[in-house]
Amino acid sequence: MDDVMMSDSEVLQTLKELGAIHNGHFVLTSGRHSDTYVQCARILENPEVTTRLAKTAVARLSGLEVDIVASPAVGGIIFGFAVAQTLGVDFIFSERESGKMTFRRGFSIMEGARVLIVEDVITTGGSVKEVSDLVREANGVPVGVVSLIDRGGEKLFEEPSYPILQLNIDSWEPDSCALCRRDVPIVSPGSRRISSK
């Protein structure tokens, strides 16, 4: 597996080469504002890179036992599937229904199942916490969180975190955003506001 693993510097260089790092004024999925946005879709559209990243993530789990991988839609689905495939376990994803995160499509978690939660980018980890809560409600056991990028800062979830790349990118609540005060045009590129039927 060593020949496919990526170092932190390789991951960062790949992000830059694929045009995944953007500067400007953004509303993140968490609702916070930032001057930097990581568009993981630019990475995930490349199956070879996605597979290498999944293998890198799994190698960093240090033998963590996992029965199933769960991801929040939409951002975590592709990478979650790649991690599950690498681990050789089943994969499910949660979706929002009437604003509430839920497992649909017949997805379920067996009692006592060890669940690895996989997301693309984590800021506060709000979506991860929602999935973790769903796992616990099903009497499963959340054993860890894998992400492509951790943007730094305090997290809402309590599980051990295994980010592939840690980027300490500032973000602010809207009422304390200097970019808003300067009337810098704002973009909301995340998937949280996509409606589901």
C-alpha atoms as a PDB file:
ATOM      1  CA  MET A   1       0.000   0.000   0.000  1.00  0.00           C
ATOM      2  CA  ASP A   2       2.995   2.319   0.493  1.00  0.00           C
ATOM      3  CA  ASP A   3       3.249   3.009  -3.246  1.00  0.00           C
ATOM      4  CA  VAL A   4      -0.246   4.517  -3.344  1.00  0.00           C
ATOM      5  CA  MET A   5      -0.207   6.406  -0.040  1.00  0.00           C
ATOM      6  CA  MET A   6       0.098  10.180  -0.166  1.00  0.00           C
ATOM      7  CA  SER A   7       2.058  12.414   2.202  1.00  0.00           C
ATOM      8  CA  ASP A   8       0.565  15.661   3.542  1.00  0.00           C
ATOM      9  CA  SER A   9       2.664  17.653   1.080  1.00  0.00           C
ATOM     10  CA  GLU A  10       1.470  15.471  -1.826  1.00  0.00           C
ATOM     11  CA  VAL A  11      -2.163  15.921  -0.781  1.00  0.00           C
ATOM     12  CA  LEU A  12      -1.768  19.703  -0.544  1.00  0.00           C
ATOM     13  CA  GLN A  13       0.044  19.844  -3.888  1.00  0.00           C
ATOM     14  CA  THR A  14      -2.720  17.744  -5.474  1.00  0.00           C
ATOM     15  CA  LEU A  15      -5.374  20.114  -4.091  1.00  0.00           C
ATOM     16  CA  LYS A  16      -3.582  23.030  -5.696  1.00  0.00           C
ATOM     17  CA  GLU A  17      -2.978  21.256  -9.014  1.00  0.00           C
ATOM     18  CA  LEU A  18      -6.642  20.258  -9.305  1.00  0.00           C
ATOM     19  CA  GLY A  19      -7.840  23.788  -8.518  1.00  0.00           C
ATOM     20  CA  ALA A  20      -9.566  22.730  -5.311  1.00  0.00           C
ATOM     21  CA  ILE A  21      -8.479  25.672  -3.130  1.00  0.00           C
ATOM     22  CA  HIS A  22     -10.352  28.948  -3.692  1.00  0.00           C
ATOM     23  CA  ASN A  23      -9.934  32.378  -2.145  1.00  0.00           C
ATOM     24  CA  GLY A  24     -12.740  34.910  -1.758  1.00  0.00           C
ATOM     25  CA  HIS A  25     -15.723  35.238   0.615  1.00  0.00           C
ATOM     26  CA  PHE A  26     -17.667  32.040   1.275  1.00  0.00           C
ATOM     27  CA  VAL A  27     -20.512  30.703   3.390  1.00  0.00           C
ATOM     28  CA  LEU A  28     -19.429  27.267   4.604  1.00  0.00           C
ATOM     29  CA  THR A  29     -21.804  24.344   5.158  1.00  0.00           C
ATOM     30  CA  SER A  30     -21.569  25.104   8.891  1.00  0.00           C
ATOM     31  CA  GLY A  31     -22.951  28.603   8.255  1.00  0.00           C
ATOM     32  CA  ARG A  32     -19.641  30.227   9.176  1.00  0.00           C
ATOM     33  CA  HIS A  33     -17.846  32.556   6.764  1.00  0.00           C
ATOM     34  CA  SER A  34     -14.307  32.142   5.438  1.00  0.00           C
ATOM     35  CA  ASP A  35     -11.900  33.643   2.920  1.00  0.00           C
ATOM     36  CA  THR A  36     -10.835  30.147   1.783  1.00  0.00           C
ATOM     37  CA  TYR A  37     -12.951  27.315   0.386  1.00  0.00           C
ATOM     38  CA  VAL A  38     -11.811  23.785  -0.439  1.00  0.00           C
ATOM     39  CA  GLN A  39     -13.863  22.346  -3.313  1.00  0.00           C
ATOM     40  CA  CYS A  40     -13.343  18.614  -2.786  1.00  0.00           C
ATOM     41  CA  ALA A  41     -15.442  17.793  -5.835  1.00  0.00           C
ATOM     42  CA  ARG A  42     -12.399  18.773  -7.920  1.00  0.00           C
ATOM     43  CA  ILE A  43     -10.504  15.951  -6.188  1.00  0.00           C
ATOM     44  CA  LEU A  44     -13.326  13.422  -6.185  1.00  0.00           C
ATOM     45  CA  GLU A  45     -13.934  13.720  -9.924  1.00  0.00           C
ATOM     46  CA  ASN A  46     -10.583  11.945 -10.330  1.00  0.00           C
ATOM     47  CA  PRO A  47     -11.064   8.229  -9.449  1.00  0.00           C
ATOM     48  CA  GLU A  48      -7.326   7.488  -9.271  1.00  0.00           C
ATOM     49  CA  VAL A  49      -6.638  10.312  -6.807  1.00  0.00           C
ATOM     50  CA  THR A  50      -9.767   9.458  -4.783  1.00  0.00           C
ATOM     51  CA  THR A  51      -8.622   5.827  -4.493  1.00  0.00           C
ATOM     52  CA  ARG A  52      -5.131   6.863  -3.391  1.00  0.00           C
ATOM     53  CA  LEU A  53      -6.629   9.189  -0.771  1.00  0.00           C
ATOM     54  CA  ALA A  54      -8.930   6.440   0.508  1.00  0.00           C
ATOM     55  CA  LYS A  55      -5.995   4.041   0.842  1.00  0.00           C
ATOM     56  CA  THR A  56      -4.013   6.754   2.620  1.00  0.00           C
ATOM     57  CA  ALA A  57      -6.898   7.309   5.035  1.00  0.00           C
ATOM     58  CA  VAL A  58      -7.291   3.610   5.806  1.00  0.00           C
ATOM     59  CA  ALA A  59      -3.539   3.206   6.404  1.00  0.00           C
ATOM     60  CA  ARG A  60      -3.769   5.938   9.066  1.00  0.00           C
ATOM     61  CA  LEU A  61      -6.536   4.158  10.997  1.00  0.00           C
ATOM     62  CA  SER A  62      -3.960   1.944  12.763  1.00  0.00           C
ATOM     63  CA  GLY A  63      -6.005  -1.241  12.671  1.00  0.00           C
ATOM     64  CA  LEU A  64      -9.280   0.346  13.817  1.00  0.00           C
ATOM     65  CA  GLU A  65     -12.037  -2.284  13.502  1.00  0.00           C
ATOM     66  CA  VAL A  66     -14.861  -1.126  11.242  1.00  0.00           C
ATOM     67  CA  ASP A  67     -18.047  -2.953  10.222  1.00  0.00           C
ATOM     68  CA  ILE A  68     -19.648  -0.256   8.079  1.00  0.00           C
ATOM     69  CA  VAL A  69     -18.915   3.223   6.732  1.00  0.00           C
ATOM     70  CA  ALA A  70     -21.520   5.991   6.891  1.00  0.00           C
ATOM     71  CA  SER A  71     -21.327   9.443   5.281  1.00  0.00           C
ATOM     72  CA  PRO A  72     -23.548  12.512   5.198  1.00  0.00           C
ATOM     73  CA  ALA A  73     -24.885  13.459   1.764  1.00  0.00           C
ATOM     74  CA  VAL A  74     -23.850  15.022  -0.462  1.00  0.00           C
ATOM     75  CA  GLY A  75     -20.205  15.840   0.140  1.00  0.00           C
ATOM     76  CA  GLY A  76     -19.154  12.675   1.937  1.00  0.00           C
ATOM     77  CA  ILE A  77     -20.703  10.094  -0.387  1.00  0.00           C
ATOM     78  CA  ILE A  78     -17.959   9.568  -2.970  1.00  0.00           C
ATOM     79  CA  PHE A  79     -15.079   9.545  -0.511  1.00  0.00           C
ATOM     80  CA  GLY A  80     -17.075   7.450   1.973  1.00  0.00           C
ATOM     81  CA  PHE A  81     -17.702   4.844  -0.713  1.00  0.00           C
ATOM     82  CA  ALA A  82     -13.999   4.790  -1.639  1.00  0.00           C
ATOM     83  CA  VAL A  83     -12.988   4.294   2.011  1.00  0.00           C
ATOM     84  CA  ALA A  84     -15.577   1.517   2.457  1.00  0.00           C
ATOM     85  CA  GLN A  85     -14.321  -0.184  -0.701  1.00  0.00           C
ATOM     86  CA  THR A  86     -10.744  -0.002   0.577  1.00  0.00           C
ATOM     87  CA  LEU A  87     -11.811  -1.463   3.935  1.00  0.00           C
ATOM     88  CA  GLY A  88     -13.973  -4.129   2.282  1.00  0.00           C
ATOM     89  CA  VAL A  89     -17.106  -3.165   4.249  1.00  0.00           C
ATOM     90  CA  ASP A  90     -20.592  -1.931   3.386  1.00  0.00           C
ATOM     91  CA  PHE A  91     -21.367   1.737   2.842  1.00  0.00           C
ATOM     92  CA  ILE A  92     -24.464   3.809   3.656  1.00  0.00           C
ATOM     93  CA  PHE A  93     -25.239   7.528   3.617  1.00  0.00           C
ATOM     94  CA  SER A  94     -27.613   9.845   5.402  1.00  0.00           C
ATOM     95  CA  GLU A  95     -29.763  12.536   3.812  1.00  0.00           C
ATOM     96  CA  ARG A  96     -31.826  15.484   4.960  1.00  0.00           C
ATOM     97  CA  GLU A  97     -35.555  14.980   4.988  1.00  0.00           C
ATOM     98  CA  SER A  98     -37.569  18.041   6.015  1.00  0.00           C
ATOM     99  CA  GLY A  99     -34.335  19.508   7.346  1.00  0.00           C
ATOM    100  CA  LYS A 100     -33.507  16.524   9.575  1.00  0.00           C
ATOM    101  CA  MET A 101     -30.670  14.080   8.907  1.00  0.00           C
ATOM    102  CA  THR A 102     -31.924  10.521   8.448  1.00  0.00           C
ATOM    103  CA  PHE A 103     -31.032   7.166   6.909  1.00  0.00           C
ATOM    104  CA  ARG A 104     -33.362   6.441   3.983  1.00  0.00           C
ATOM    105  CA  ARG A 105     -33.425   3.964   1.061  1.00  0.00           C
ATOM    106  CA  GLY A 106     -33.626   0.981   3.405  1.00  0.00           C
ATOM    107  CA  PHE A 107     -30.228   1.731   4.976  1.00  0.00           C
ATOM    108  CA  SER A 108     -29.837   0.406   8.504  1.00  0.00           C
ATOM    109  CA  ILE A 109     -27.169  -0.300  11.094  1.00  0.00           C
ATOM    110  CA  MET A 110     -27.048  -3.547  13.027  1.00  0.00           C
ATOM    111  CA  GLU A 111     -26.938  -3.271  16.806  1.00  0.00           C
ATOM    112  CA  GLY A 112     -23.349  -3.064  18.004  1.00  0.00           C
ATOM    113  CA  ALA A 113     -21.951  -2.364  14.509  1.00  0.00           C
ATOM    114  CA  ARG A 114     -18.719  -0.359  14.547  1.00  0.00           C
ATOM    115  CA  VAL A 115     -19.303   2.602  12.249  1.00  0.00           C
ATOM    116  CA  LEU A 116     -16.659   4.798  10.649  1.00  0.00           C
ATOM    117  CA  ILE A 117     -18.054   8.196   9.635  1.00  0.00           C
ATOM    118  CA  VAL A 118     -16.478   9.690   6.512  1.00  0.00           C
ATOM    119  CA  GLU A 119     -16.837  13.309   5.343  1.00  0.00           C
ATOM    120  CA  ASP A 120     -15.062  15.421   2.748  1.00  0.00           C
ATOM    121  CA  VAL A 121     -14.378  18.694   4.606  1.00  0.00           C
ATOM    122  CA  ILE A 122     -14.962  19.312   8.311  1.00  0.00           C
ATOM    123  CA  THR A 123     -15.214  22.733   9.910  1.00  0.00           C
ATOM    124  CA  THR A 124     -17.361  22.388  13.043  1.00  0.00           C
ATOM    125  CA  GLY A 125     -18.375  18.806  12.267  1.00  0.00           C
ATOM    126  CA  GLY A 126     -22.100  19.497  12.529  1.00  0.00           C
ATOM    127  CA  SER A 127     -23.054  16.990   9.822  1.00  0.00           C
ATOM    128  CA  VAL A 128     -20.702  14.406  11.335  1.00  0.00           C
ATOM    129  CA  LYS A 129     -22.375  14.829  14.726  1.00  0.00           C
ATOM    130  CA  GLU A 130     -25.795  14.330  13.136  1.00  0.00           C
ATOM    131  CA  VAL A 131     -24.616  11.054  11.567  1.00  0.00           C
ATOM    132  CA  SER A 132     -23.006  10.010  14.858  1.00  0.00           C
ATOM    133  CA  ASP A 133     -26.313  10.639  16.642  1.00  0.00           C
ATOM    134  CA  LEU A 134     -28.148   8.525  14.042  1.00  0.00           C
ATOM    135  CA  VAL A 135     -25.655   5.696  14.562  1.00  0.00           C
ATOM    136  CA  ARG A 136     -26.181   5.790  18.325  1.00  0.00           C
ATOM    137  CA  GLU A 137     -29.972   5.884  17.901  1.00  0.00           C
ATOM    138  CA  ALA A 138     -29.615   2.630  15.922  1.00  0.00           C
ATOM    139  CA  ASN A 139     -27.495   1.169  18.785  1.00  0.00           C
ATOM    140  CA  GLY A 140     -24.394   1.249  16.610  1.00  0.00           C
ATOM    141  CA  VAL A 141     -20.982   2.415  17.820  1.00  0.00           C
ATOM    142  CA  PRO A 142     -19.287   5.363  16.083  1.00  0.00           C
ATOM    143  CA  VAL A 143     -15.581   4.460  16.229  1.00  0.00           C
ATOM    144  CA  GLY A 144     -13.984   7.363  14.370  1.00  0.00           C
ATOM    145  CA  VAL A 145     -14.241  10.105  11.783  1.00  0.00           C
ATOM    146  CA  VAL A 146     -12.236  10.275   8.558  1.00  0.00           C
ATOM    147  CA  SER A 147     -12.127  13.420   6.436  1.00  0.00           C
ATOM    148  CA  LEU A 148     -10.200  14.613   3.422  1.00  0.00           C
ATOM    149  CA  ILE A 149      -9.720  18.030   5.039  1.00  0.00           C
ATOM    150  CA  ASP A 150     -10.060  19.274   8.613  1.00  0.00           C
ATOM    151  CA  ARG A 151     -10.259  23.072   8.593  1.00  0.00           C
ATOM    152  CA  GLY A 152      -9.235  23.278  12.265  1.00  0.00           C
ATOM    153  CA  GLY A 153     -11.104  24.644  15.264  1.00  0.00           C
ATOM    154  CA  GLU A 154     -13.339  23.020  17.868  1.00  0.00           C
ATOM    155  CA  LYS A 155     -15.576  20.154  16.804  1.00  0.00           C
ATOM    156  CA  LEU A 156     -19.139  19.245  17.753  1.00  0.00           C
ATOM    157  CA  PHE A 157     -18.471  15.486  17.669  1.00  0.00           C
ATOM    158  CA  GLU A 158     -16.493  13.469  20.223  1.00  0.00           C
ATOM    159  CA  GLU A 159     -15.149  10.544  18.178  1.00  0.00           C
ATOM    160  CA  PRO A 160     -11.435  10.270  17.305  1.00  0.00           C
ATOM    161  CA  SER A 161     -10.666  12.170  14.106  1.00  0.00           C
ATOM    162  CA  TYR A 162      -8.389  10.986  11.295  1.00  0.00           C
ATOM    163  CA  PRO A 163      -8.106  13.790   8.723  1.00  0.00           C
ATOM    164  CA  ILE A 164      -5.910  13.220   5.703  1.00  0.00           C
ATOM    165  CA  LEU A 165      -4.900  16.864   5.739  1.00  0.00           C
ATOM    166  CA  GLN A 166      -5.162  19.452   8.517  1.00  0.00           C
ATOM    167  CA  LEU A 167      -5.543  22.991   7.182  1.00  0.00           C
ATOM    168  CA  ASN A 168      -5.876  25.710   9.796  1.00  0.00           C
ATOM    169  CA  ILE A 169      -8.161  28.006   7.815  1.00  0.00           C
ATOM    170  CA  ASP A 170      -9.889  30.833   9.658  1.00  0.00           C
ATOM    171  CA  SER A 171     -13.674  31.023   9.713  1.00  0.00           C
ATOM    172  CA  TRP A 172     -16.028  33.395  11.475  1.00  0.00           C
ATOM    173  CA  GLU A 173     -19.625  33.713  12.578  1.00  0.00           C
ATOM    174  CA  PRO A 174     -21.483  35.974  10.116  1.00  0.00           C
ATOM    175  CA  ASP A 175     -21.860  38.785  12.654  1.00  0.00           C
ATOM    176  CA  SER A 176     -18.077  38.966  13.194  1.00  0.00           C
ATOM    177  CA  CYS A 177     -17.014  38.602   9.547  1.00  0.00           C
ATOM    178  CA  ALA A 178     -14.734  41.440   8.392  1.00  0.00           C
ATOM    179  CA  LEU A 179     -15.438  40.531   4.754  1.00  0.00           C
ATOM    180  CA  CYS A 180     -19.156  41.177   5.313  1.00  0.00           C
ATOM    181  CA  ARG A 181     -18.360  44.554   6.891  1.00  0.00           C
ATOM    182  CA  ARG A 182     -16.362  45.436   3.758  1.00  0.00           C
ATOM    183  CA  ASP A 183     -19.272  44.295   1.518  1.00  0.00           C
ATOM    184  CA  VAL A 184     -17.087  41.706  -0.239  1.00  0.00           C
ATOM    185  CA  PRO A 185     -19.410  39.647  -2.505  1.00  0.00           C
ATOM    186  CA  ILE A 186     -20.240  36.290  -0.915  1.00  0.00           C
ATOM    187  CA  VAL A 187     -20.647  32.832  -2.458  1.00  0.00           C
ATOM    188  CA  SER A 188     -22.335  29.751  -0.960  1.00  0.00           C
ATOM    189  CA  PRO A 189     -20.756  26.814  -2.830  1.00  0.00           C
ATOM    190  CA  GLY A 190     -21.625  23.988  -0.395  1.00  0.00           C
ATOM    191  CA  SER A 191     -24.304  21.304  -0.760  1.00  0.00           C
ATOM    192  CA  ARG A 192     -26.291  21.949   2.446  1.00  0.00           C
ATOM    193  CA  ARG A 193     -28.729  24.196   0.658  1.00  0.00           C
ATOM    194  CA  ILE A 194     -29.547  21.664  -2.055  1.00  0.00           C
ATOM    195  CA  SER A 195     -33.141  20.572  -1.565  1.00  0.00           C
ATOM    196  CA  SER A 196     -33.959  16.868  -1.542  1.00  0.00           C
ATOM    197  CA  LYS A 197     -37.247  15.264  -2.468  1.00  0.00           C
END
